Amino acid sequence: GGLSVWRALRAALPGAHLSYLADNAWAPYGERPAEALRGRV
């Protein structure tokens, strides 16, 4: 999902090195317990 944000960052910060980390081993986050997610992130 963060690829939508990556796209905007690439346009705004063309001189930056963008490093993307996808936690797709745990995706999607939306229905997981908050405490477990906090520790994971």
Full PDB file with SEQRES, HELIX, SHEET, SSBOND, CRYST1, ORIGX, SCALE, CONECT and MASTER records, all heavy atoms in Angstrom:
SEQRES   1 A   41  GLY GLY LEU SER VAL TRP ARG ALA LEU ARG ALA ALA LEU          
SEQRES   2 A   41  PRO GLY ALA HIS LEU SER TYR LEU ALA ASP ASN ALA TRP          
SEQRES   3 A   41  ALA PRO TYR GLY GLU ARG PRO ALA GLU ALA LEU ARG GLY          
SEQRES   4 A   41  ARG VAL                                                      
HELIX    1 AA1 LEU A    3  ALA A   12  1                                  10    
HELIX    2 AA2 ALA A   34  ARG A   40  1                                   7    
CRYST1    1.000    1.000    1.000  90.00  90.00  90.00 P 1           1          
ORIGX1      1.000000  0.000000  0.000000        0.00000                         
ORIGX2      0.000000  1.000000  0.000000        0.00000                         
ORIGX3      0.000000  0.000000  1.000000        0.00000                         
SCALE1      1.000000  0.000000  0.000000        0.00000                         
SCALE2      0.000000  1.000000  0.000000        0.00000                         
SCALE3      0.000000  0.000000  1.000000        0.00000                         
ATOM      1  N   GLY A   1       0.807  -1.221   0.000  1.00  0.00           N  
ATOM      2  CA  GLY A   1       0.000   0.000   0.000  1.00  0.00           C  
ATOM      3  C   GLY A   1       0.834   1.262   0.000  1.00  0.00           C  
ATOM      4  O   GLY A   1       0.464   2.269  -0.595  1.00  0.00           O  
ATOM      5  N   GLY A   2       1.991   1.218   0.671  1.00  0.00           N  
ATOM      6  CA  GLY A   2       2.842   2.392   0.738  1.00  0.00           C  
ATOM      7  C   GLY A   2       3.431   2.804  -0.595  1.00  0.00           C  
ATOM      8  O   GLY A   2       4.051   3.867  -0.693  1.00  0.00           O  
ATOM      9  N   LEU A   3       3.232   1.984  -1.634  1.00  0.00           N  
ATOM     10  CA  LEU A   3       3.696   2.384  -2.957  1.00  0.00           C  
ATOM     11  C   LEU A   3       2.982   3.644  -3.435  1.00  0.00           C  
ATOM     12  O   LEU A   3       3.538   4.414  -4.223  1.00  0.00           O  
ATOM     13  CB  LEU A   3       3.486   1.242  -3.964  1.00  0.00           C  
ATOM     14  CG  LEU A   3       4.275  -0.046  -3.692  1.00  0.00           C  
ATOM     15  CD1 LEU A   3       3.973  -1.080  -4.767  1.00  0.00           C  
ATOM     16  CD2 LEU A   3       5.776   0.220  -3.603  1.00  0.00           C  
ATOM     17  N   SER A   4       1.760   3.874  -2.965  1.00  0.00           N  
ATOM     18  CA  SER A   4       1.065   5.115  -3.334  1.00  0.00           C  
ATOM     19  C   SER A   4       1.779   6.319  -2.731  1.00  0.00           C  
ATOM     20  O   SER A   4       1.846   7.396  -3.344  1.00  0.00           O  
ATOM     21  CB  SER A   4      -0.402   5.072  -2.888  1.00  0.00           C  
ATOM     22  OG  SER A   4      -0.519   5.008  -1.477  1.00  0.00           O  
ATOM     23  N   VAL A   5       2.331   6.166  -1.531  1.00  0.00           N  
ATOM     24  CA  VAL A   5       3.094   7.235  -0.888  1.00  0.00           C  
ATOM     25  C   VAL A   5       4.490   7.332  -1.511  1.00  0.00           C  
ATOM     26  O   VAL A   5       5.013   8.429  -1.725  1.00  0.00           O  
ATOM     27  CB  VAL A   5       3.183   6.996   0.632  1.00  0.00           C  
ATOM     28  CG1 VAL A   5       4.011   8.079   1.309  1.00  0.00           C  
ATOM     29  CG2 VAL A   5       1.784   6.934   1.243  1.00  0.00           C  
ATOM     30  N   TRP A   6       5.099   6.192  -1.807  1.00  0.00           N  
ATOM     31  CA  TRP A   6       6.415   6.170  -2.468  1.00  0.00           C  
ATOM     32  C   TRP A   6       6.370   6.990  -3.759  1.00  0.00           C  
ATOM     33  O   TRP A   6       7.288   7.772  -4.040  1.00  0.00           O  
ATOM     34  CB  TRP A   6       6.800   4.720  -2.774  1.00  0.00           C  
ATOM     35  CG  TRP A   6       8.197   4.530  -3.304  1.00  0.00           C  
ATOM     36  CD1 TRP A   6       9.297   4.152  -2.600  1.00  0.00           C  
ATOM     37  CD2 TRP A   6       8.646   4.697  -4.666  1.00  0.00           C  
ATOM     38  NE1 TRP A   6      10.403   4.079  -3.422  1.00  0.00           N  
ATOM     39  CE2 TRP A   6      10.028   4.406  -4.695  1.00  0.00           C  
ATOM     40  CE3 TRP A   6       8.015   5.068  -5.851  1.00  0.00           C  
ATOM     41  CZ2 TRP A   6      10.791   4.471  -5.871  1.00  0.00           C  
ATOM     42  CZ3 TRP A   6       8.766   5.143  -7.024  1.00  0.00           C  
ATOM     43  CH2 TRP A   6      10.133   4.847  -7.026  1.00  0.00           C  
ATOM     44  N   ARG A   7       5.301   6.834  -4.512  1.00  0.00           N  
ATOM     45  CA  ARG A   7       5.146   7.543  -5.783  1.00  0.00           C  
ATOM     46  C   ARG A   7       5.151   9.060  -5.552  1.00  0.00           C  
ATOM     47  O   ARG A   7       5.813   9.807  -6.277  1.00  0.00           O  
ATOM     48  CB  ARG A   7       3.846   7.090  -6.441  1.00  0.00           C  
ATOM     49  CG  ARG A   7       3.569   7.605  -7.830  1.00  0.00           C  
ATOM     50  CD  ARG A   7       2.427   6.812  -8.448  1.00  0.00           C  
ATOM     51  NE  ARG A   7       1.265   6.731  -7.571  1.00  0.00           N  
ATOM     52  CZ  ARG A   7       0.283   5.842  -7.708  1.00  0.00           C  
ATOM     53  NH1 ARG A   7       0.313   4.956  -8.683  1.00  0.00           N  
ATOM     54  NH2 ARG A   7      -0.735   5.839  -6.875  1.00  0.00           N  
ATOM     55  N   ALA A   8       4.443   9.527  -4.537  1.00  0.00           N  
ATOM     56  CA  ALA A   8       4.404  10.959  -4.228  1.00  0.00           C  
ATOM     57  C   ALA A   8       5.753  11.447  -3.710  1.00  0.00           C  
ATOM     58  O   ALA A   8       6.190  12.558  -4.033  1.00  0.00           O  
ATOM     59  CB  ALA A   8       3.302  11.242  -3.206  1.00  0.00           C  
ATOM     60  N   LEU A   9       6.435  10.636  -2.903  1.00  0.00           N  
ATOM     61  CA  LEU A   9       7.745  11.010  -2.388  1.00  0.00           C  
ATOM     62  C   LEU A   9       8.771  11.095  -3.509  1.00  0.00           C  
ATOM     63  O   LEU A   9       9.633  11.984  -3.510  1.00  0.00           O  
ATOM     64  CB  LEU A   9       8.205   9.997  -1.338  1.00  0.00           C  
ATOM     65  CG  LEU A   9       7.478  10.038   0.003  1.00  0.00           C  
ATOM     66  CD1 LEU A   9       7.788   8.788   0.808  1.00  0.00           C  
ATOM     67  CD2 LEU A   9       7.845  11.285   0.793  1.00  0.00           C  
ATOM     68  N   ARG A  10       8.707  10.167  -4.457  1.00  0.00           N  
ATOM     69  CA  ARG A  10       9.652  10.187  -5.578  1.00  0.00           C  
ATOM     70  C   ARG A  10       9.540  11.497  -6.360  1.00  0.00           C  
ATOM     71  O   ARG A  10      10.544  12.073  -6.776  1.00  0.00           O  
ATOM     72  CB  ARG A  10       9.372   9.002  -6.497  1.00  0.00           C  
ATOM     73  CG  ARG A  10      10.207   8.928  -7.780  1.00  0.00           C  
ATOM     74  CD  ARG A  10      11.625   8.402  -7.543  1.00  0.00           C  
ATOM     75  NE  ARG A  10      12.458   9.318  -6.773  1.00  0.00           N  
ATOM     76  CZ  ARG A  10      13.578   8.990  -6.149  1.00  0.00           C  
ATOM     77  NH1 ARG A  10      14.002   7.738  -6.190  1.00  0.00           N  
ATOM     78  NH2 ARG A  10      14.273   9.868  -5.488  1.00  0.00           N  
ATOM     79  N   ALA A  11       8.298  11.971  -6.527  1.00  0.00           N  
ATOM     80  CA  ALA A  11       8.092  13.223  -7.244  1.00  0.00           C  
ATOM     81  C   ALA A  11       8.562  14.426  -6.423  1.00  0.00           C  
ATOM     82  O   ALA A  11       9.121  15.379  -6.971  1.00  0.00           O  
ATOM     83  CB  ALA A  11       6.615  13.380  -7.603  1.00  0.00           C  
ATOM     84  N   ALA A  12       8.345  14.387  -5.108  1.00  0.00           N  
ATOM     85  CA  ALA A  12       8.682  15.529  -4.259  1.00  0.00           C  
ATOM     86  C   ALA A  12      10.158  15.590  -3.889  1.00  0.00           C  
ATOM     87  O   ALA A  12      10.702  16.671  -3.654  1.00  0.00           O  
ATOM     88  CB  ALA A  12       7.841  15.487  -2.981  1.00  0.00           C  
ATOM     89  N   LEU A  13      10.819  14.422  -3.831  1.00  0.00           N  
ATOM     90  CA  LEU A  13      12.209  14.338  -3.379  1.00  0.00           C  
ATOM     91  C   LEU A  13      13.049  13.569  -4.400  1.00  0.00           C  
ATOM     92  O   LEU A  13      13.583  12.498  -4.110  1.00  0.00           O  
ATOM     93  CB  LEU A  13      12.291  13.638  -2.023  1.00  0.00           C  
ATOM     94  CG  LEU A  13      11.511  14.263  -0.861  1.00  0.00           C  
ATOM     95  CD1 LEU A  13      11.495  13.333   0.338  1.00  0.00           C  
ATOM     96  CD2 LEU A  13      12.106  15.612  -0.486  1.00  0.00           C  
ATOM     97  N   PRO A  14      13.185  14.101  -5.602  1.00  0.00           N  
ATOM     98  CA  PRO A  14      13.882  13.347  -6.644  1.00  0.00           C  
ATOM     99  C   PRO A  14      15.357  13.122  -6.352  1.00  0.00           C  
ATOM    100  O   PRO A  14      15.964  12.214  -6.923  1.00  0.00           O  
ATOM    101  CB  PRO A  14      13.689  14.209  -7.894  1.00  0.00           C  
ATOM    102  CG  PRO A  14      13.434  15.581  -7.380  1.00  0.00           C  
ATOM    103  CD  PRO A  14      12.681  15.400  -6.107  1.00  0.00           C  
ATOM    104  N   GLY A  15      15.943  13.915  -5.452  1.00  0.00           N  
ATOM    105  CA  GLY A  15      17.349  13.736  -5.125  1.00  0.00           C  
ATOM    106  C   GLY A  15      17.609  12.779  -3.987  1.00  0.00           C  
ATOM    107  O   GLY A  15      18.766  12.540  -3.627  1.00  0.00           O  
ATOM    108  N   ALA A  16      16.545  12.213  -3.395  1.00  0.00           N  
ATOM    109  CA  ALA A  16      16.701  11.332  -2.232  1.00  0.00           C  
ATOM    110  C   ALA A  16      16.808   9.872  -2.646  1.00  0.00           C  
ATOM    111  O   ALA A  16      16.269   9.453  -3.674  1.00  0.00           O  
ATOM    112  CB  ALA A  16      15.530  11.511  -1.273  1.00  0.00           C  
ATOM    113  N   HIS A  17      17.505   9.108  -1.815  1.00  0.00           N  
ATOM    114  CA  HIS A  17      17.491   7.649  -1.953  1.00  0.00           C  
ATOM    115  C   HIS A  17      16.310   7.120  -1.155  1.00  0.00           C  
ATOM    116  O   HIS A  17      16.237   7.324   0.059  1.00  0.00           O  
ATOM    117  CB  HIS A  17      18.789   7.038  -1.429  1.00  0.00           C  
ATOM    118  CG  HIS A  17      18.724   5.552  -1.275  1.00  0.00           C  
ATOM    119  ND1 HIS A  17      18.615   4.697  -2.350  1.00  0.00           N  
ATOM    120  CD2 HIS A  17      18.722   4.763  -0.168  1.00  0.00           C  
ATOM    121  CE1 HIS A  17      18.571   3.454  -1.922  1.00  0.00           C  
ATOM    122  NE2 HIS A  17      18.619   3.471  -0.590  1.00  0.00           N  
ATOM    123  N   LEU A  18      15.371   6.464  -1.821  1.00  0.00           N  
ATOM    124  CA  LEU A  18      14.191   5.909  -1.158  1.00  0.00           C  
ATOM    125  C   LEU A  18      14.410   4.424  -0.884  1.00  0.00           C  
ATOM    126  O   LEU A  18      14.691   3.644  -1.808  1.00  0.00           O  
ATOM    127  CB  LEU A  18      12.942   6.100  -2.024  1.00  0.00           C  
ATOM    128  CG  LEU A  18      12.539   7.539  -2.351  1.00  0.00           C  
ATOM    129  CD1 LEU A  18      11.232   7.552  -3.136  1.00  0.00           C  
ATOM    130  CD2 LEU A  18      12.415   8.381  -1.097  1.00  0.00           C  
ATOM    131  N   SER A  19      14.280   4.067   0.376  1.00  0.00           N  
ATOM    132  CA  SER A  19      14.412   2.670   0.787  1.00  0.00           C  
ATOM    133  C   SER A  19      13.064   2.209   1.328  1.00  0.00           C  
ATOM    134  O   SER A  19      12.536   2.798   2.271  1.00  0.00           O  
ATOM    135  CB  SER A  19      15.485   2.540   1.874  1.00  0.00           C  
ATOM    136  OG  SER A  19      15.637   1.198   2.282  1.00  0.00           O  
ATOM    137  N   TYR A  20      12.511   1.175   0.724  1.00  0.00           N  
ATOM    138  CA  TYR A  20      11.145   0.722   1.054  1.00  0.00           C  
ATOM    139  C   TYR A  20      11.225  -0.595   1.806  1.00  0.00           C  
ATOM    140  O   TYR A  20      11.917  -1.528   1.383  1.00  0.00           O  
ATOM    141  CB  TYR A  20      10.364   0.534  -0.240  1.00  0.00           C  
ATOM    142  CG  TYR A  20       8.873   0.303  -0.074  1.00  0.00           C  
ATOM    143  CD1 TYR A  20       7.979   1.363  -0.140  1.00  0.00           C  
ATOM    144  CD2 TYR A  20       8.360  -0.971   0.132  1.00  0.00           C  
ATOM    145  CE1 TYR A  20       6.617   1.163  -0.003  1.00  0.00           C  
ATOM    146  CE2 TYR A  20       6.999  -1.187   0.275  1.00  0.00           C  
ATOM    147  CZ  TYR A  20       6.129  -0.115   0.203  1.00  0.00           C  
ATOM    148  OH  TYR A  20       4.776  -0.323   0.344  1.00  0.00           O  
ATOM    149  N   LEU A  21      10.495  -0.683   2.914  1.00  0.00           N  
ATOM    150  CA  LEU A  21      10.393  -1.936   3.668  1.00  0.00           C  
ATOM    151  C   LEU A  21       8.932  -2.335   3.769  1.00  0.00           C  
ATOM    152  O   LEU A  21       8.109  -1.602   4.331  1.00  0.00           O  
ATOM    153  CB  LEU A  21      10.989  -1.770   5.080  1.00  0.00           C  
ATOM    154  CG  LEU A  21      10.805  -2.969   6.027  1.00  0.00           C  
ATOM    155  CD1 LEU A  21      11.384  -4.248   5.438  1.00  0.00           C  
ATOM    156  CD2 LEU A  21      11.433  -2.677   7.392  1.00  0.00           C  
ATOM    157  N   ALA A  22       8.618  -3.511   3.219  1.00  0.00           N  
ATOM    158  CA  ALA A  22       7.258  -4.054   3.272  1.00  0.00           C  
ATOM    159  C   ALA A  22       7.233  -5.218   4.261  1.00  0.00           C  
ATOM    160  O   ALA A  22       7.970  -6.198   4.086  1.00  0.00           O  
ATOM    161  CB  ALA A  22       6.839  -4.546   1.888  1.00  0.00           C  
ATOM    162  N   ASP A  23       6.400  -5.100   5.275  1.00  0.00           N  
ATOM    163  CA  ASP A  23       6.239  -6.208   6.229  1.00  0.00           C  
ATOM    164  C   ASP A  23       5.139  -7.147   5.733  1.00  0.00           C  
ATOM    165  O   ASP A  23       4.153  -7.393   6.424  1.00  0.00           O  
ATOM    166  CB  ASP A  23       5.912  -5.668   7.625  1.00  0.00           C  
ATOM    167  CG  ASP A  23       5.904  -6.776   8.678  1.00  0.00           C  
ATOM    168  OD1 ASP A  23       6.495  -7.844   8.421  1.00  0.00           O  
ATOM    169  OD2 ASP A  23       5.295  -6.564   9.745  1.00  0.00           O  
ATOM    170  N   ASN A  24       5.325  -7.673   4.521  1.00  0.00           N  
ATOM    171  CA  ASN A  24       4.251  -8.478   3.946  1.00  0.00           C  
ATOM    172  C   ASN A  24       4.138  -9.858   4.576  1.00  0.00           C  
ATOM    173  O   ASN A  24       3.170 -10.572   4.328  1.00  0.00           O  
ATOM    174  CB  ASN A  24       4.385  -8.567   2.421  1.00  0.00           C  
ATOM    175  CG  ASN A  24       5.735  -9.074   1.964  1.00  0.00           C  
ATOM    176  OD1 ASN A  24       6.654  -9.198   2.767  1.00  0.00           O  
ATOM    177  ND2 ASN A  24       5.869  -9.338   0.682  1.00  0.00           N  
ATOM    178  N   ALA A  25       5.097 -10.233   5.420  1.00  0.00           N  
ATOM    179  CA  ALA A  25       4.937 -11.476   6.174  1.00  0.00           C  
ATOM    180  C   ALA A  25       3.792 -11.357   7.176  1.00  0.00           C  
ATOM    181  O   ALA A  25       3.196 -12.366   7.573  1.00  0.00           O  
ATOM    182  CB  ALA A  25       6.229 -11.827   6.895  1.00  0.00           C  
ATOM    183  N   TRP A  26       3.491 -10.108   7.572  1.00  0.00           N  
ATOM    184  CA  TRP A  26       2.409  -9.873   8.544  1.00  0.00           C  
ATOM    185  C   TRP A  26       1.211  -9.176   7.917  1.00  0.00           C  
ATOM    186  O   TRP A  26       0.230  -8.907   8.603  1.00  0.00           O  
ATOM    187  CB  TRP A  26       2.950  -9.035   9.706  1.00  0.00           C  
ATOM    188  CG  TRP A  26       3.315  -9.852  10.910  1.00  0.00           C  
ATOM    189  CD1 TRP A  26       4.014 -11.013  10.922  1.00  0.00           C  
ATOM    190  CD2 TRP A  26       3.007  -9.556  12.281  1.00  0.00           C  
ATOM    191  NE1 TRP A  26       4.175 -11.460  12.205  1.00  0.00           N  
ATOM    192  CE2 TRP A  26       3.561 -10.586  13.060  1.00  0.00           C  
ATOM    193  CE3 TRP A  26       2.334  -8.517  12.906  1.00  0.00           C  
ATOM    194  CZ2 TRP A  26       3.456 -10.618  14.449  1.00  0.00           C  
ATOM    195  CZ3 TRP A  26       2.229  -8.537  14.294  1.00  0.00           C  
ATOM    196  CH2 TRP A  26       2.776  -9.580  15.054  1.00  0.00           C  
ATOM    197  N   ALA A  27       1.279  -8.840   6.654  1.00  0.00           N  
ATOM    198  CA  ALA A  27       0.182  -8.107   6.010  1.00  0.00           C  
ATOM    199  C   ALA A  27      -1.036  -9.016   5.831  1.00  0.00           C  
ATOM    200  O   ALA A  27      -0.889 -10.223   5.625  1.00  0.00           O  
ATOM    201  CB  ALA A  27       0.642  -7.583   4.658  1.00  0.00           C  
ATOM    202  N   PRO A  28      -2.252  -8.408   5.888  1.00  0.00           N  
ATOM    203  CA  PRO A  28      -2.503  -6.993   6.200  1.00  0.00           C  
ATOM    204  C   PRO A  28      -2.530  -6.748   7.705  1.00  0.00           C  
ATOM    205  O   PRO A  28      -2.847  -7.633   8.488  1.00  0.00           O  
ATOM    206  CB  PRO A  28      -3.879  -6.751   5.573  1.00  0.00           C  
ATOM    207  CG  PRO A  28      -4.560  -8.086   5.663  1.00  0.00           C  
ATOM    208  CD  PRO A  28      -3.471  -9.121   5.480  1.00  0.00           C  
ATOM    209  N   TYR A  29      -2.217  -5.518   8.090  1.00  0.00           N  
ATOM    210  CA  TYR A  29      -2.173  -5.141   9.500  1.00  0.00           C  
ATOM    211  C   TYR A  29      -3.558  -4.891  10.086  1.00  0.00           C  
ATOM    212  O   TYR A  29      -3.733  -4.952  11.303  1.00  0.00           O  
ATOM    213  CB  TYR A  29      -1.376  -3.834   9.651  1.00  0.00           C  
ATOM    214  CG  TYR A  29       0.118  -3.979   9.781  1.00  0.00           C  
ATOM    215  CD1 TYR A  29       0.770  -5.182   9.547  1.00  0.00           C  
ATOM    216  CD2 TYR A  29       0.888  -2.876  10.141  1.00  0.00           C  
ATOM    217  CE1 TYR A  29       2.137  -5.283   9.666  1.00  0.00           C  
ATOM    218  CE2 TYR A  29       2.258  -2.964  10.263  1.00  0.00           C  
ATOM    219  CZ  TYR A  29       2.891  -4.160  10.029  1.00  0.00           C  
ATOM    220  OH  TYR A  29       4.250  -4.253  10.150  1.00  0.00           O  
ATOM    221  N   GLY A  30      -4.525  -4.560   9.262  1.00  0.00           N  
ATOM    222  CA  GLY A  30      -5.765  -3.956   9.719  1.00  0.00           C  
ATOM    223  C   GLY A  30      -6.555  -4.686  10.776  1.00  0.00           C  
ATOM    224  O   GLY A  30      -7.286  -4.062  11.541  1.00  0.00           O  
ATOM    225  N   GLU A  31      -6.438  -6.001  10.853  1.00  0.00           N  
ATOM    226  CA  GLU A  31      -7.243  -6.738  11.826  1.00  0.00           C  
ATOM    227  C   GLU A  31      -6.395  -7.417  12.893  1.00  0.00           C  
ATOM    228  O   GLU A  31      -6.855  -8.316  13.592  1.00  0.00           O  
ATOM    229  CB  GLU A  31      -8.121  -7.754  11.078  1.00  0.00           C  
ATOM    230  CG  GLU A  31      -9.132  -7.074  10.160  1.00  0.00           C  
ATOM    231  CD  GLU A  31      -9.808  -8.024   9.181  1.00  0.00           C  
ATOM    232  OE1 GLU A  31     -10.303  -9.077   9.630  1.00  0.00           O  
ATOM    233  OE2 GLU A  31      -9.835  -7.713   7.980  1.00  0.00           O  
ATOM    234  N   ARG A  32      -5.134  -6.988  13.041  1.00  0.00           N  
ATOM    235  CA  ARG A  32      -4.251  -7.544  14.067  1.00  0.00           C  
ATOM    236  C   ARG A  32      -4.318  -6.711  15.348  1.00  0.00           C  
ATOM    237  O   ARG A  32      -4.612  -5.510  15.305  1.00  0.00           O  
ATOM    238  CB  ARG A  32      -2.803  -7.587  13.561  1.00  0.00           C  
ATOM    239  CG  ARG A  32      -2.568  -8.641  12.476  1.00  0.00           C  
ATOM    240  CD  ARG A  32      -1.093  -8.747  12.158  1.00  0.00           C  
ATOM    241  NE  ARG A  32      -0.811  -9.746  11.144  1.00  0.00           N  
ATOM    242  CZ  ARG A  32      -0.583 -11.030  11.396  1.00  0.00           C  
ATOM    243  NH1 ARG A  32      -0.618 -11.469  12.659  1.00  0.00           N  
ATOM    244  NH2 ARG A  32      -0.326 -11.878  10.432  1.00  0.00           N  
ATOM    245  N   PRO A  33      -4.016  -7.301  16.518  1.00  0.00           N  
ATOM    246  CA  PRO A  33      -4.064  -6.553  17.785  1.00  0.00           C  
ATOM    247  C   PRO A  33      -3.042  -5.427  17.809  1.00  0.00           C  
ATOM    248  O   PRO A  33      -1.900  -5.587  17.365  1.00  0.00           O  
ATOM    249  CB  PRO A  33      -3.735  -7.626  18.835  1.00  0.00           C  
ATOM    250  CG  PRO A  33      -4.000  -8.933  18.177  1.00  0.00           C  
ATOM    251  CD  PRO A  33      -3.729  -8.734  16.723  1.00  0.00           C  
ATOM    252  N   ALA A  34      -3.438  -4.296  18.368  1.00  0.00           N  
ATOM    253  CA  ALA A  34      -2.580  -3.109  18.374  1.00  0.00           C  
ATOM    254  C   ALA A  34      -1.266  -3.349  19.104  1.00  0.00           C  
ATOM    255  O   ALA A  34      -0.201  -2.915  18.646  1.00  0.00           O  
ATOM    256  CB  ALA A  34      -3.331  -1.942  19.010  1.00  0.00           C  
ATOM    257  N   GLU A  35      -1.292  -4.021  20.242  1.00  0.00           N  
ATOM    258  CA  GLU A  35      -0.067  -4.218  21.019  1.00  0.00           C  
ATOM    259  C   GLU A  35       0.942  -5.065  20.261  1.00  0.00           C  
ATOM    260  O   GLU A  35       2.151  -4.779  20.251  1.00  0.00           O  
ATOM    261  CB  GLU A  35      -0.393  -4.865  22.372  1.00  0.00           C  
ATOM    262  CG  GLU A  35       0.709  -4.721  23.407  1.00  0.00           C  
ATOM    263  CD  GLU A  35       1.022  -3.267  23.730  1.00  0.00           C  
ATOM    264  OE1 GLU A  35       0.098  -2.449  23.837  1.00  0.00           O  
ATOM    265  OE2 GLU A  35       2.228  -2.957  23.876  1.00  0.00           O  
ATOM    266  N   ALA A  36       0.455  -6.114  19.593  1.00  0.00           N  
ATOM    267  CA  ALA A  36       1.356  -6.959  18.808  1.00  0.00           C  
ATOM    268  C   ALA A  36       1.954  -6.174  17.642  1.00  0.00           C  
ATOM    269  O   ALA A  36       3.142  -6.296  17.324  1.00  0.00           O  
ATOM    270  CB  ALA A  36       0.605  -8.183  18.291  1.00  0.00           C  
ATOM    271  N   LEU A  37       1.130  -5.336  16.997  1.00  0.00           N  
ATOM    272  CA  LEU A  37       1.629  -4.524  15.893  1.00  0.00           C  
ATOM    273  C   LEU A  37       2.678  -3.524  16.364  1.00  0.00           C  
ATOM    274  O   LEU A  37       3.693  -3.308  15.688  1.00  0.00           O  
ATOM    275  CB  LEU A  37       0.471  -3.778  15.234  1.00  0.00           C  
ATOM    276  CG  LEU A  37      -0.435  -4.597  14.313  1.00  0.00           C  
ATOM    277  CD1 LEU A  37      -1.615  -3.746  13.865  1.00  0.00           C  
ATOM    278  CD2 LEU A  37       0.333  -5.111  13.104  1.00  0.00           C  
ATOM    279  N   ARG A  38       2.449  -2.933  17.507  1.00  0.00           N  
ATOM    280  CA  ARG A  38       3.399  -1.943  18.025  1.00  0.00           C  
ATOM    281  C   ARG A  38       4.772  -2.589  18.230  1.00  0.00           C  
ATOM    282  O   ARG A  38       5.804  -2.039  17.828  1.00  0.00           O  
ATOM    283  CB  ARG A  38       2.876  -1.340  19.328  1.00  0.00           C  
ATOM    284  CG  ARG A  38       3.718  -0.182  19.846  1.00  0.00           C  
ATOM    285  CD  ARG A  38       3.083   0.448  21.079  1.00  0.00           C  
ATOM    286  NE  ARG A  38       1.741   0.929  20.791  1.00  0.00           N  
ATOM    287  CZ  ARG A  38       0.614   0.392  21.260  1.00  0.00           C  
ATOM    288  NH1 ARG A  38       0.680  -0.645  22.103  1.00  0.00           N  
ATOM    289  NH2 ARG A  38      -0.561   0.878  20.939  1.00  0.00           N  
ATOM    290  N   GLY A  39       4.774  -3.754  18.845  1.00  0.00           N  
ATOM    291  CA  GLY A  39       6.033  -4.453  19.059  1.00  0.00           C  
ATOM    292  C   GLY A  39       6.697  -4.857  17.758  1.00  0.00           C  
ATOM    293  O   GLY A  39       7.927  -4.759  17.617  1.00  0.00           O  
ATOM    294  N   ARG A  40       5.899  -5.284  16.809  1.00  0.00           N  
ATOM    295  CA  ARG A  40       6.426  -5.703  15.518  1.00  0.00           C  
ATOM    296  C   ARG A  40       7.073  -4.532  14.767  1.00  0.00           C  
ATOM    297  O   ARG A  40       8.193  -4.639  14.266  1.00  0.00           O  
ATOM    298  CB  ARG A  40       5.275  -6.285  14.687  1.00  0.00           C  
ATOM    299  CG  ARG A  40       5.604  -6.621  13.242  1.00  0.00           C  
ATOM    300  CD  ARG A  40       6.354  -7.906  13.120  1.00  0.00           C  
ATOM    301  NE  ARG A  40       6.529  -8.295  11.729  1.00  0.00           N  
ATOM    302  CZ  ARG A  40       7.129  -9.414  11.338  1.00  0.00           C  
ATOM    303  NH1 ARG A  40       7.604 -10.251  12.239  1.00  0.00           N  
ATOM    304  NH2 ARG A  40       7.265  -9.700  10.062  1.00  0.00           N  
ATOM    305  N   VAL A  41       6.362  -3.420  14.679  1.00  0.00           N  
ATOM    306  CA  VAL A  41       6.854  -2.271  13.922  1.00  0.00           C  
ATOM    307  C   VAL A  41       8.112  -1.696  14.566  1.00  0.00           C  
ATOM    308  O   VAL A  41       9.095  -1.384  13.874  1.00  0.00           O  
ATOM    309  CB  VAL A  41       5.760  -1.194  13.786  1.00  0.00           C  
ATOM    310  CG1 VAL A  41       6.321   0.074  13.152  1.00  0.00           C  
ATOM    311  CG2 VAL A  41       4.594  -1.722  12.967  1.00  0.00           C  
TER     312      VAL A  41                                                      
MASTER        0    0    0    2    0    0    0    6  311    1    0    4          
END                                                                             
